[in-house]
Protein backbone atom coordinates (compact mmCIF):
# COMPACT_ATOMS: atom_id res chain seq x y z
CA MET A 1 -0.03 0.09 -0.25
CA ASN A 2 1.20 3.15 -1.13
CA ARG A 3 1.12 5.91 1.30
CA ALA A 4 2.58 9.14 3.67
CA GLY A 5 -0.20 9.60 6.27
CA ARG A 6 -1.28 9.83 9.84
CA ALA A 7 -1.60 6.41 11.56
CA ARG A 8 -3.88 7.15 15.36
CA SER A 9 -2.58 4.01 17.78
CA THR A 10 -1.15 4.70 20.90
CA LEU A 11 1.86 3.43 21.87
CA ALA A 12 2.55 1.06 25.00
CA VAL A 13 4.97 3.01 27.59
CA VAL A 14 6.09 1.93 30.78
CA VAL A 15 7.38 4.57 33.26
CA LEU A 16 9.72 3.61 36.44
CA GLY A 17 11.16 5.41 39.18
CA VAL A 18 14.69 3.32 39.67
CA LEU A 19 17.79 4.11 41.04
CA ALA A 20 20.17 6.68 39.12
CA LEU A 21 23.58 7.79 39.08
CA GLY A 22 22.79 11.88 38.87
CA CYS A 23 25.91 13.31 40.12
CA GLY A 24 28.65 14.81 39.03
CA ASP A 25 31.00 12.63 40.86
CA GLY A 26 29.15 9.81 39.88
CA SER A 27 27.75 9.04 43.24
CA PRO A 28 24.18 7.22 43.10
CA GLU A 29 21.19 8.97 44.20
CA GLU A 30 17.57 7.73 44.18
CA GLY A 31 15.26 8.89 41.26
CA ASN A 32 12.24 11.20 41.55
CA ALA A 33 8.93 9.81 41.23
CA ALA A 34 8.29 9.33 37.27
CA VAL A 35 5.24 11.48 35.78
CA GLY A 36 3.01 9.12 33.43
CA TRP A 37 3.82 9.46 29.71
CA GLN A 38 1.93 8.72 26.40
CA VAL A 39 3.50 8.66 23.23
CA ARG A 40 1.32 8.60 20.64
CA ASP A 41 1.85 7.73 17.01
CA THR A 42 1.25 11.16 14.82
CA LEU A 43 3.01 10.44 11.54
CA TRP A 44 4.20 7.62 9.28
CA ILE A 45 6.29 8.62 6.07
CA GLY A 46 6.70 5.87 3.33
CA ALA A 47 5.87 3.34 0.80
CA VAL A 48 6.21 -0.17 0.05
CA ASP A 49 6.50 0.13 -3.38
CA GLY A 50 6.17 2.63 -6.34
CA GLU A 51 8.10 5.51 -7.77
CA GLY A 52 6.93 8.69 -5.48
CA PRO A 53 9.37 10.14 -3.12
CA GLU A 54 7.94 8.50 -0.22
CA VAL A 55 9.61 5.27 -1.01
CA PHE A 56 12.57 5.43 0.50
CA GLY A 57 15.80 2.85 -0.67
CA SER A 58 17.57 3.82 2.42
CA VAL A 59 17.52 6.77 4.74
CA VAL A 60 20.61 7.53 6.08
CA ALA A 61 19.93 11.25 7.71
CA LEU A 62 16.99 12.48 9.03
CA THR A 63 16.13 15.93 10.84
CA ALA A 64 13.35 18.33 10.99
CA ASP A 65 13.18 21.88 11.69
CA SER A 66 11.66 24.39 13.85
CA ASP A 67 8.56 24.63 11.17
CA GLY A 68 7.47 20.85 11.42
CA ARG A 69 9.01 20.48 8.32
CA ILE A 70 10.68 17.07 7.91
CA TYR A 71 14.43 16.37 5.90
CA VAL A 72 15.12 12.79 4.44
CA PHE A 73 18.28 11.81 2.91
CA ASP A 74 17.95 8.93 0.76
CA GLY A 75 21.37 7.30 0.68
CA ARG A 76 20.64 4.83 -2.36
CA ALA A 77 19.16 7.80 -4.61
CA HIS A 78 22.03 10.41 -3.11
CA GLU A 79 18.77 12.49 -3.05
CA LEU A 80 17.10 15.12 -0.09
CA ARG A 81 13.40 15.07 0.29
CA VAL A 82 11.45 17.55 2.01
CA PHE A 83 7.88 17.03 3.80
CA GLY A 84 5.56 19.26 5.45
CA PRO A 85 4.34 18.97 9.01
CA ASP A 86 1.49 16.96 8.07
CA GLY A 87 3.65 14.26 5.80
CA SER A 88 2.75 15.80 2.30
CA PHE A 89 5.63 16.18 0.06
CA ILE A 90 6.94 19.84 -0.60
CA SER A 91 10.55 19.46 -2.38
CA ARG A 92 13.52 17.16 -3.47
CA PHE A 93 17.12 17.77 -4.42
CA GLY A 94 20.52 16.41 -5.38
CA ARG A 95 21.64 13.41 -7.01
CA ARG A 96 24.89 11.09 -7.50
CA GLY A 97 28.38 13.36 -8.04
CA GLY A 98 30.98 15.29 -6.72
CA GLY A 99 29.63 18.53 -8.22
CA PRO A 100 27.22 21.43 -6.90
CA GLY A 101 23.87 19.83 -5.84
CA GLU A 102 25.53 16.09 -6.13
CA PHE A 103 26.17 13.65 -3.31
CA GLN A 104 28.00 10.89 -2.44
CA HIS A 105 27.76 9.80 1.12
CA VAL A 106 25.47 11.79 3.50
CA ILE A 107 26.33 11.28 6.83
CA GLY A 108 24.25 13.75 8.87
CA MET A 109 22.03 17.02 8.51
CA SER A 110 21.78 19.39 10.86
CA VAL A 111 19.58 22.51 11.00
CA THR A 112 20.61 26.17 12.19
CA PRO A 113 18.16 27.93 14.47
CA GLY A 114 17.70 30.27 11.41
CA GLY A 115 16.49 27.20 9.03
CA SER A 116 19.43 26.71 6.98
CA LEU A 117 20.06 23.39 6.52
CA TRP A 118 23.63 21.60 6.47
CA LEU A 119 24.43 18.35 5.20
CA ILE A 120 27.57 16.26 6.15
CA ASP A 121 29.35 14.62 2.65
CA GLY A 122 31.67 12.22 4.28
CA ALA A 123 32.91 10.63 0.65
CA ASN A 124 33.11 14.35 -0.80
CA ALA A 125 34.71 15.70 2.28
CA ARG A 126 32.42 18.57 2.60
CA TYR A 127 29.37 20.55 3.78
CA THR A 128 26.74 21.38 1.12
CA VAL A 129 24.39 24.03 2.32
CA LEU A 130 20.94 24.70 2.32
CA ARG A 131 20.09 29.03 3.08
CA GLY A 132 15.92 28.95 1.00
CA ASP A 133 17.32 29.24 -2.28
CA ASP A 134 20.75 29.40 -2.17
CA VAL A 135 23.64 26.67 -2.20
CA ALA A 136 26.82 26.57 -0.91
CA THR A 137 29.35 24.39 -0.28
CA TYR A 138 32.86 24.32 2.14
CA THR A 139 35.40 21.64 2.66
CA ARG A 140 35.48 18.98 5.47
CA GLY A 141 38.26 18.06 6.70
CA VAL A 142 39.63 14.79 4.68
CA GLY A 143 37.19 12.11 2.52
CA VAL A 144 37.94 9.51 5.11
CA TYR A 145 35.25 8.99 8.01
CA THR A 146 32.80 7.39 10.65
CA VAL A 147 29.42 6.70 10.83
CA PRO A 148 27.21 7.18 12.65
CA TRP A 149 27.74 10.81 12.27
CA VAL A 150 28.54 12.96 15.68
CA GLY A 151 27.88 16.20 15.63
CA GLY A 152 25.20 19.09 15.47
CA HIS A 153 24.57 22.65 15.67
CA SER A 154 24.89 24.89 19.35
CA ASP A 155 26.03 28.89 20.06
CA GLY A 156 25.86 29.56 16.14
CA TYR A 157 28.32 27.11 15.06
CA LEU A 158 28.71 23.26 13.86
CA HIS A 159 30.39 20.95 15.91
CA ASP A 160 31.75 18.10 13.46
CA VAL A 161 33.77 15.26 14.97
CA ILE A 162 36.09 14.38 11.89
CA MET A 163 39.27 12.35 11.21
CA VAL A 164 42.17 13.79 11.87
CA PRO A 165 44.91 12.97 8.71
CA GLY A 166 48.39 10.88 10.15
CA GLY A 167 47.31 9.39 12.90
CA PRO A 168 45.95 5.75 13.23
CA SER A 169 42.08 6.20 13.90
CA ARG A 170 42.26 9.58 15.85
CA GLU A 171 39.36 12.30 15.47
CA ALA A 172 38.77 16.44 16.74
CA LEU A 173 35.83 18.29 17.29
CA VAL A 174 36.07 21.35 15.10
CA ARG A 175 33.69 24.43 15.25
CA VAL A 176 32.56 25.61 11.95
CA ASN A 177 30.85 28.88 11.13
CA ALA A 178 28.57 29.85 8.91
CA GLU A 179 30.92 30.60 6.07
CA GLY A 180 32.46 26.98 6.91
CA ALA A 181 35.78 28.45 8.26
CA VAL A 182 36.76 25.97 11.52
CA ILE A 183 37.13 28.39 13.98
CA ASP A 184 39.08 25.99 16.63
CA THR A 185 39.35 22.20 17.56
CA VAL A 186 39.54 19.40 20.38
CA ALA A 187 40.62 16.31 20.82
CA VAL A 188 38.26 13.43 20.91
CA PRO A 189 38.99 10.84 23.71
CA ALA A 190 39.45 7.71 21.92
CA ASP A 191 38.07 4.46 22.64
CA GLN A 192 40.87 1.52 23.93
CA ILE A 193 38.71 -1.53 22.43
CA GLU A 194 40.98 -3.75 21.35
CA THR A 195 39.48 -5.83 18.07
CA PRO A 196 40.77 -8.43 15.26
CA ARG A 197 42.25 -6.47 12.69
CA VAL A 198 43.97 -6.57 9.19
CA GLY A 199 47.14 -3.77 9.15
CA PRO A 200 44.68 -0.71 10.02
CA ILE A 201 41.18 -2.24 8.77
CA GLN A 202 39.24 -3.38 11.80
CA LEU A 203 37.05 -6.45 12.04
CA PRO A 204 35.04 -6.13 14.97
CA LEU A 205 32.67 -9.45 16.24
CA PRO A 206 29.45 -9.06 16.32
CA TYR A 207 28.21 -8.69 19.98
CA ALA A 208 31.52 -7.41 20.82
CA PRO A 209 31.86 -3.98 22.96
CA ARG A 210 31.86 -0.60 21.13
CA GLN A 211 32.02 3.07 22.11
CA ILE A 212 29.03 5.02 21.82
CA ARG A 213 29.17 8.91 21.63
CA ALA A 214 26.27 11.48 20.89
CA PHE A 215 26.69 15.43 20.25
CA ASP A 216 24.46 17.30 23.29
CA PRO A 217 22.97 20.62 22.01
CA GLY A 218 24.35 22.48 25.05
CA GLY A 219 27.67 21.98 23.54
CA ALA A 220 29.19 18.57 24.91
CA LEU A 221 29.81 15.30 24.04
CA TRP A 222 28.49 12.10 25.52
CA PHE A 223 30.08 8.69 25.67
CA ALA A 224 29.07 5.32 26.53
CA MET A 225 30.15 1.51 26.17
CA SER A 226 27.40 -0.59 24.67
CA HIS A 227 28.71 -3.63 27.91
CA GLU A 228 28.40 -1.22 30.51
CA TYR A 229 25.19 0.58 31.46
CA LYS A 230 27.19 4.07 32.70
CA LEU A 231 27.58 7.61 30.25
CA TYR A 232 29.56 10.45 30.57
CA LYS A 233 29.06 13.72 29.58
CA ILE A 234 32.30 15.30 28.34
CA GLY A 235 32.59 19.38 28.32
CA LEU A 236 34.43 20.82 25.05
CA ARG A 237 37.79 21.28 27.07
CA GLY A 238 37.29 17.78 28.15
CA ASP A 239 36.44 17.97 31.38
CA THR A 240 33.63 15.27 32.87
CA LEU A 241 30.68 17.43 33.63
CA ARG A 242 28.09 14.09 34.51
CA VAL A 243 28.19 10.34 34.94
CA MET A 244 25.04 8.36 35.12
CA GLY A 245 23.54 4.85 34.34
CA ARG A 246 21.56 2.21 35.76
CA GLU A 247 22.63 -0.68 37.26
CA VAL A 248 22.12 -3.68 34.94
CA GLU A 249 23.08 -6.96 35.36
CA PRO A 250 24.54 -8.42 31.62
CA ARG A 251 22.91 -11.05 29.74
CA PRO A 252 24.76 -13.83 28.62
CA LEU A 253 24.90 -14.56 24.97
CA SER A 254 22.18 -16.90 23.49
CA ALA A 255 23.47 -20.37 21.70
CA THR A 256 22.36 -18.98 18.65
CA GLU A 257 24.25 -15.69 19.18
CA SER A 258 27.32 -17.34 20.40
CA ASP A 259 26.91 -19.66 17.39
CA SER A 260 27.14 -16.27 15.50
CA VAL A 261 30.07 -15.12 16.37
CA SER A 262 31.78 -18.42 16.19
CA GLN A 263 30.78 -18.64 12.43
CA HIS A 264 32.19 -15.23 12.03
CA ILE A 265 35.40 -16.49 13.75
CA ARG A 266 35.71 -18.95 11.27
CA ALA A 267 35.16 -16.50 8.33
CA LEU A 268 37.89 -14.34 9.60
CA ARG A 269 40.46 -17.42 10.12
CA GLU A 270 39.52 -18.74 6.35
CA ARG A 271 39.47 -15.58 4.43
CA PHE A 272 41.83 -12.73 6.01
CA GLN A 273 44.40 -16.10 8.37
CA VAL A 274 43.29 -13.54 11.45
CA GLU A 275 43.40 -15.48 14.61
CA VAL A 276 41.03 -14.29 17.29
CA ARG A 277 42.31 -15.00 20.90
CA GLU A 278 40.17 -15.74 23.72
CA GLY A 279 39.78 -12.46 25.41
CA LEU A 280 38.37 -11.01 22.35
CA ILE A 281 35.73 -12.98 22.03
CA PRO A 282 32.31 -11.31 23.86
CA ARG A 283 30.66 -13.89 26.00
CA THR A 284 27.34 -11.39 26.80
CA ALA A 285 25.21 -9.52 25.24
CA PRO A 286 25.48 -5.37 24.87
CA LEU A 287 23.28 -3.50 27.15
CA LEU A 288 23.36 -0.28 25.26
CA ARG A 289 22.86 0.91 20.68
CA GLN A 290 22.87 4.03 21.06
CA VAL A 291 22.73 7.90 22.69
CA THR A 292 20.53 10.17 21.59
CA VAL A 293 20.20 14.15 23.36
CA ALA A 294 16.85 15.68 22.83
CA ASP A 295 16.82 19.66 22.28
CA ASP A 296 15.64 20.21 26.16
CA GLY A 297 18.98 18.30 27.35
CA ALA A 298 16.92 15.07 28.02
CA VAL A 299 19.04 11.51 27.06
CA TRP A 300 17.31 8.87 25.49
CA VAL A 301 19.31 5.59 25.94
CA THR A 302 18.21 3.03 23.40
CA ARG A 303 18.69 -0.14 24.98
CA ALA A 304 20.35 -3.18 23.07
CA ASP A 305 17.47 -5.38 23.96
CA PRO A 306 13.86 -5.33 23.01
CA PRO A 307 11.11 -4.82 25.61
CA PRO A 308 9.49 -7.77 27.56
CA GLY A 309 7.17 -9.39 25.33
CA SER A 310 7.79 -7.52 22.41
CA PRO A 311 10.28 -9.36 20.44
CA SER A 312 10.05 -7.14 17.33
CA GLY A 313 10.02 -3.79 19.66
CA THR A 314 12.75 -0.89 20.68
CA ARG A 315 12.78 0.13 24.52
CA PHE A 316 13.88 3.70 25.43
CA ASP A 317 15.47 4.97 28.76
CA VAL A 318 15.16 8.70 29.65
CA PHE A 319 17.08 10.90 31.79
CA GLY A 320 16.49 14.42 32.55
CA ARG A 321 18.61 17.14 32.35
CA ASP A 322 19.79 16.66 36.37
CA GLY A 323 21.03 13.03 35.47
CA HIS A 324 17.81 11.04 37.02
CA LEU A 325 15.90 8.59 35.01
CA VAL A 326 12.52 9.59 34.64
CA GLY A 327 10.66 6.51 32.50
CA GLU A 328 11.42 4.21 30.11
CA VAL A 329 9.63 3.90 26.58
CA ASN A 330 8.65 1.22 24.83
CA VAL A 331 7.30 0.53 20.75
CA VAL A 332 6.00 -2.49 19.18
CA PHE A 333 8.50 -2.02 16.18
CA PRO A 334 12.40 -1.76 15.42
CA LEU A 335 12.87 1.91 15.66
CA ALA A 336 15.93 3.87 15.05
CA LEU A 337 15.78 7.03 17.03
CA ARG A 338 17.11 10.19 15.18
CA LEU A 339 15.93 13.60 16.60
CA VAL A 340 13.78 14.75 20.06
CA GLN A 341 12.84 17.87 19.64
CA ALA A 342 10.18 20.38 20.82
CA GLY A 343 8.04 17.06 22.86
CA GLN A 344 8.74 14.90 19.60
CA ILE A 345 10.37 12.15 18.59
CA TYR A 346 11.82 11.23 15.10
CA GLY A 347 13.00 7.98 14.40
CA VAL A 348 13.04 5.45 11.07
CA ALA A 349 11.19 2.48 11.31
CA ARG A 350 11.64 -0.78 9.51
CA ASP A 351 8.86 -3.73 9.07
CA GLU A 352 9.45 -6.94 8.60
CA LEU A 353 9.81 -7.16 4.82
CA GLY A 354 13.05 -4.43 5.32
CA VAL A 355 10.91 -1.63 4.02
CA GLU A 356 11.43 2.13 6.34
CA ARG A 357 9.64 4.31 7.26
CA VAL A 358 9.86 7.35 8.77
CA PHE A 359 8.26 8.08 12.39
CA ARG A 360 7.30 10.67 14.40
CA ALA A 361 5.54 10.76 17.67
CA ARG A 362 4.41 13.28 20.08
CA ILE A 363 5.21 13.10 23.88
CA GLU A 364 2.43 13.65 26.10
CA HIS A 365 3.66 14.27 29.58
CA GLY A 366 1.23 13.12 32.23
CA ARG A 367 -0.06 15.36 35.03
């Protein structure tokens, strides 16, 4: 069925008061009692088949502006598509290539308070900026990049984590002004995770620990490790501003999960002659999948495991600005959260056929 429209179901929500780590020194505090929330499914944009703009091949970037317009970049079509707050199609822009108005691999997008849209093109090593009918391009670092993109706008500047030439996987956070000039550069803490590799190429195992990062619109970065429920807010000067988390017992890998790890190890040995030492083989499942920071400073943590009783669902823990856990939000379908803004969540949902749709929901706080 081809459609880009509304759905009216109410998503399942669970809100719990639990022990949270909310102080800057990491000491535990008892979380305040959380109020009831409702998350109402307000908009779907997507279609199973056809030729229309609502048919997405691969949504690689998603954002929205203060007027509610939704910007979707389709990585397969190398095209930006703009939809109204009601899901109606407005316009499209771009194609594959390296010339003006062309894209190779967009890894992120960010909207300025004034409404300009910045598209971060990793492969073309540049920013494309749309200001109304005007299009500008600015150089971005080098053509080596990482995904997912970490960055966004704060205090009138684009903050962008880029690769630093001349070093093994070194990265830096740069501040870029409206004219595309880099104002300053801050080193980004590197993860110390050991992984199998062939030369400089890392070959991570399934379910192995990884670093999770997110940009805070207040002007900071959040760091976490996938197998430990503890989050660190790091300021632009490298100081630790907050530590918070939950006491969650790691889950041993299931037999099926362990078998997939073993198959991967055999493939590495056969294809690349890589031997994986015992200490690198994961035995427990990840706890965390993603961190997303809202425009009001709330931190949304996507759990790696689905909510109880919903094997295809997605579970979010929501922390307030003070670091206390204020609730859990469970949806009954796979959802990659991309933006939390003006009381609404935006993400990409994938159905059992692998079809992607853009999803927006309104968050209603109880009294």
